[in-house]
Amino acid sequence: MSLAAFKALLKQIDIETEEAHNNYSERSAVHCAALQIMQFEKDLYYGEAVNGKHLKKIQSIIEIHLEDIINETTKNKN
């Protein structure tokens, strides 16, 4: 495989991954919050984000989506 073909393949994979993330985050508020937490964890792991308040950031993400999560959960029970 040539370098150009490999780069094209990586570009296509990146596009498909972004589409999958968008579809996943639109499924529900829980999915959206989970995706944001996973992205935050990835950024921490790879050093793209330095945050000493790790748990506070995760709590903040959940709180942002909390009302939608409760509404979706209540709606699914009815």
N, C-alpha and C. Protein backbone atom coordinates (compact mmCIF):
# COMPACT_ATOMS: atom_id res chain seq x y z
N MET A 1 0.86 -1.17 0.00
CA MET A 1 0.00 0.00 0.00
C MET A 1 0.90 1.23 0.00
N SER A 2 0.59 2.15 -0.88
CA SER A 2 1.39 3.37 -0.97
C SER A 2 1.04 4.31 0.18
N LEU A 3 1.90 5.29 0.41
CA LEU A 3 1.66 6.27 1.46
C LEU A 3 0.39 7.08 1.17
N ALA A 4 0.17 7.44 -0.07
CA ALA A 4 -1.02 8.20 -0.45
C ALA A 4 -2.29 7.39 -0.18
N ALA A 5 -2.26 6.10 -0.52
CA ALA A 5 -3.42 5.24 -0.28
C ALA A 5 -3.67 5.07 1.21
N PHE A 6 -2.59 4.95 1.97
CA PHE A 6 -2.72 4.82 3.42
C PHE A 6 -3.32 6.09 4.03
N LYS A 7 -2.86 7.25 3.59
CA LYS A 7 -3.41 8.53 4.07
C LYS A 7 -4.89 8.66 3.71
N ALA A 8 -5.25 8.24 2.51
CA ALA A 8 -6.66 8.29 2.09
C ALA A 8 -7.51 7.37 2.96
N LEU A 9 -6.98 6.20 3.27
CA LEU A 9 -7.70 5.25 4.13
C LEU A 9 -7.90 5.84 5.54
N LEU A 10 -6.85 6.44 6.09
CA LEU A 10 -6.96 7.07 7.41
C LEU A 10 -7.97 8.21 7.40
N LYS A 11 -7.99 8.98 6.33
CA LYS A 11 -8.95 10.08 6.21
C LYS A 11 -10.38 9.54 6.20
N GLN A 12 -10.62 8.46 5.45
CA GLN A 12 -11.94 7.85 5.38
C GLN A 12 -12.36 7.30 6.75
N ILE A 13 -11.42 6.67 7.44
CA ILE A 13 -11.70 6.14 8.78
C ILE A 13 -12.06 7.27 9.73
N ASP A 14 -11.35 8.39 9.63
CA ASP A 14 -11.62 9.55 10.48
C ASP A 14 -13.03 10.08 10.23
N ILE A 15 -13.43 10.16 8.97
CA ILE A 15 -14.78 10.63 8.61
C ILE A 15 -15.84 9.69 9.17
N GLU A 16 -15.64 8.38 9.00
CA GLU A 16 -16.60 7.40 9.49
C GLU A 16 -16.68 7.41 11.02
N THR A 17 -15.55 7.61 11.67
CA THR A 17 -15.54 7.68 13.14
C THR A 17 -16.32 8.90 13.61
N GLU A 18 -16.12 10.03 12.96
CA GLU A 18 -16.84 11.25 13.33
C GLU A 18 -18.35 11.07 13.14
N GLU A 19 -18.75 10.43 12.04
CA GLU A 19 -20.17 10.16 11.80
C GLU A 19 -20.75 9.24 12.88
N ALA A 20 -19.98 8.22 13.26
CA ALA A 20 -20.43 7.30 14.31
C ALA A 20 -20.60 8.03 15.64
N HIS A 21 -19.66 8.91 15.95
CA HIS A 21 -19.76 9.69 17.19
C HIS A 21 -21.01 10.57 17.17
N ASN A 22 -21.26 11.21 16.05
CA ASN A 22 -22.44 12.07 15.94
C ASN A 22 -23.73 11.27 16.10
N ASN A 23 -23.80 10.12 15.43
CA ASN A 23 -24.99 9.27 15.55
C ASN A 23 -25.17 8.76 16.98
N TYR A 24 -24.08 8.37 17.61
CA TYR A 24 -24.13 7.86 18.98
C TYR A 24 -24.61 8.95 19.93
N SER A 25 -24.09 10.16 19.78
CA SER A 25 -24.44 11.24 20.71
C SER A 25 -25.88 11.70 20.55
N GLU A 26 -26.49 11.42 19.39
CA GLU A 26 -27.87 11.84 19.15
C GLU A 26 -28.90 10.82 19.64
N ARG A 27 -28.46 9.65 20.09
CA ARG A 27 -29.39 8.61 20.52
C ARG A 27 -30.15 9.00 21.77
N SER A 28 -29.46 9.60 22.73
CA SER A 28 -30.11 10.03 23.97
C SER A 28 -29.17 10.95 24.73
N ALA A 29 -29.69 11.58 25.76
CA ALA A 29 -28.85 12.44 26.60
C ALA A 29 -27.78 11.62 27.31
N VAL A 30 -28.11 10.39 27.69
CA VAL A 30 -27.13 9.52 28.34
C VAL A 30 -25.99 9.22 27.38
N HIS A 31 -26.31 8.91 26.14
CA HIS A 31 -25.28 8.64 25.15
C HIS A 31 -24.40 9.88 24.94
N CYS A 32 -25.02 11.03 24.86
CA CYS A 32 -24.29 12.27 24.65
C CYS A 32 -23.33 12.54 25.81
N ALA A 33 -23.81 12.39 27.03
CA ALA A 33 -22.95 12.59 28.20
C ALA A 33 -21.82 11.57 28.23
N ALA A 34 -22.14 10.31 27.93
CA ALA A 34 -21.12 9.27 27.93
C ALA A 34 -20.04 9.56 26.90
N LEU A 35 -20.42 10.01 25.73
CA LEU A 35 -19.46 10.33 24.69
C LEU A 35 -18.55 11.48 25.12
N GLN A 36 -19.12 12.49 25.76
CA GLN A 36 -18.31 13.62 26.23
C GLN A 36 -17.34 13.18 27.32
N ILE A 37 -17.78 12.30 28.21
CA ILE A 37 -16.89 11.79 29.26
C ILE A 37 -15.77 10.97 28.64
N MET A 38 -16.11 10.11 27.67
CA MET A 38 -15.07 9.31 27.01
C MET A 38 -14.06 10.20 26.30
N GLN A 39 -14.53 11.26 25.64
CA GLN A 39 -13.62 12.18 24.96
C GLN A 39 -12.73 12.89 25.98
N PHE A 40 -13.30 13.31 27.10
CA PHE A 40 -12.53 13.96 28.16
C PHE A 40 -11.46 13.01 28.69
N GLU A 41 -11.83 11.75 28.94
CA GLU A 41 -10.88 10.76 29.44
C GLU A 41 -9.76 10.53 28.42
N LYS A 42 -10.11 10.48 27.15
CA LYS A 42 -9.10 10.30 26.09
C LYS A 42 -8.13 11.47 26.09
N ASP A 43 -8.68 12.68 26.19
CA ASP A 43 -7.82 13.87 26.21
C ASP A 43 -6.89 13.86 27.41
N LEU A 44 -7.40 13.42 28.57
CA LEU A 44 -6.55 13.32 29.75
C LEU A 44 -5.46 12.28 29.55
N TYR A 45 -5.84 11.13 29.02
CA TYR A 45 -4.89 10.03 28.84
C TYR A 45 -3.77 10.41 27.88
N TYR A 46 -4.12 11.05 26.78
CA TYR A 46 -3.12 11.40 25.78
C TYR A 46 -2.48 12.76 26.03
N GLY A 47 -2.83 13.39 27.14
CA GLY A 47 -2.18 14.62 27.52
C GLY A 47 -2.67 15.86 26.82
N GLU A 48 -3.79 15.77 26.12
CA GLU A 48 -4.31 16.93 25.41
C GLU A 48 -5.05 17.86 26.37
N ALA A 49 -5.37 17.37 27.54
CA ALA A 49 -6.04 18.19 28.55
C ALA A 49 -5.37 17.92 29.89
N VAL A 50 -5.04 18.96 30.57
CA VAL A 50 -4.47 18.81 31.89
C VAL A 50 -5.49 19.40 32.85
N ASN A 51 -6.03 18.54 33.70
CA ASN A 51 -7.11 18.99 34.57
C ASN A 51 -6.98 18.29 35.91
N GLY A 52 -6.67 19.06 36.93
CA GLY A 52 -6.57 18.50 38.27
C GLY A 52 -7.93 18.24 38.89
N LYS A 53 -8.97 18.76 38.28
CA LYS A 53 -10.32 18.60 38.81
C LYS A 53 -11.11 17.62 37.94
N HIS A 54 -10.51 16.48 37.74
CA HIS A 54 -11.03 15.43 36.86
C HIS A 54 -12.48 15.06 37.19
N LEU A 55 -12.75 14.71 38.42
CA LEU A 55 -14.10 14.29 38.79
C LEU A 55 -15.10 15.43 38.70
N LYS A 56 -14.68 16.64 38.99
CA LYS A 56 -15.57 17.80 38.87
C LYS A 56 -15.98 18.00 37.41
N LYS A 57 -15.06 17.78 36.48
CA LYS A 57 -15.37 17.93 35.05
C LYS A 57 -16.40 16.88 34.64
N ILE A 58 -16.22 15.65 35.07
CA ILE A 58 -17.19 14.59 34.75
C ILE A 58 -18.54 14.91 35.36
N GLN A 59 -18.55 15.36 36.61
CA GLN A 59 -19.80 15.76 37.26
C GLN A 59 -20.48 16.88 36.48
N SER A 60 -19.71 17.83 36.01
CA SER A 60 -20.25 18.94 35.24
C SER A 60 -20.91 18.45 33.95
N ILE A 61 -20.27 17.51 33.27
CA ILE A 61 -20.83 16.96 32.03
C ILE A 61 -22.17 16.29 32.32
N ILE A 62 -22.21 15.50 33.39
CA ILE A 62 -23.45 14.80 33.74
C ILE A 62 -24.54 15.80 34.12
N GLU A 63 -24.17 16.83 34.89
CA GLU A 63 -25.16 17.83 35.30
C GLU A 63 -25.75 18.58 34.12
N ILE A 64 -24.93 18.83 33.11
CA ILE A 64 -25.41 19.52 31.91
C ILE A 64 -26.54 18.73 31.25
N HIS A 65 -26.42 17.40 31.26
CA HIS A 65 -27.39 16.54 30.59
C HIS A 65 -28.42 15.94 31.54
N LEU A 66 -28.34 16.27 32.82
CA LEU A 66 -29.17 15.61 33.82
C LEU A 66 -30.67 15.74 33.56
N GLU A 67 -31.13 16.93 33.25
CA GLU A 67 -32.57 17.12 33.03
C GLU A 67 -33.06 16.27 31.86
N ASP A 68 -32.29 16.25 30.76
CA ASP A 68 -32.68 15.43 29.61
C ASP A 68 -32.65 13.94 29.95
N ILE A 69 -31.65 13.53 30.73
CA ILE A 69 -31.55 12.12 31.14
C ILE A 69 -32.78 11.73 31.95
N ILE A 70 -33.15 12.56 32.91
CA ILE A 70 -34.33 12.28 33.74
C ILE A 70 -35.59 12.24 32.89
N ASN A 71 -35.74 13.21 31.99
CA ASN A 71 -36.92 13.23 31.12
C ASN A 71 -37.00 11.99 30.25
N GLU A 72 -35.88 11.58 29.66
CA GLU A 72 -35.87 10.39 28.81
C GLU A 72 -36.16 9.13 29.61
N THR A 73 -35.61 9.04 30.81
CA THR A 73 -35.83 7.88 31.65
C THR A 73 -37.29 7.78 32.07
N THR A 74 -37.86 8.91 32.47
CA THR A 74 -39.27 8.95 32.87
C THR A 74 -40.17 8.61 31.69
N LYS A 75 -39.85 9.15 30.52
CA LYS A 75 -40.65 8.90 29.32
C LYS A 75 -40.62 7.42 28.95
N ASN A 76 -39.47 6.77 29.09
CA ASN A 76 -39.35 5.36 28.75
C ASN A 76 -40.09 4.46 29.72
N LYS A 77 -40.27 4.90 30.97
CA LYS A 77 -41.00 4.10 31.96
C LYS A 77 -42.49 4.13 31.70
N ASN A 78 -42.98 5.21 31.09
CA ASN A 78 -44.43 5.36 30.86
C ASN A 78 -44.84 4.65 29.64
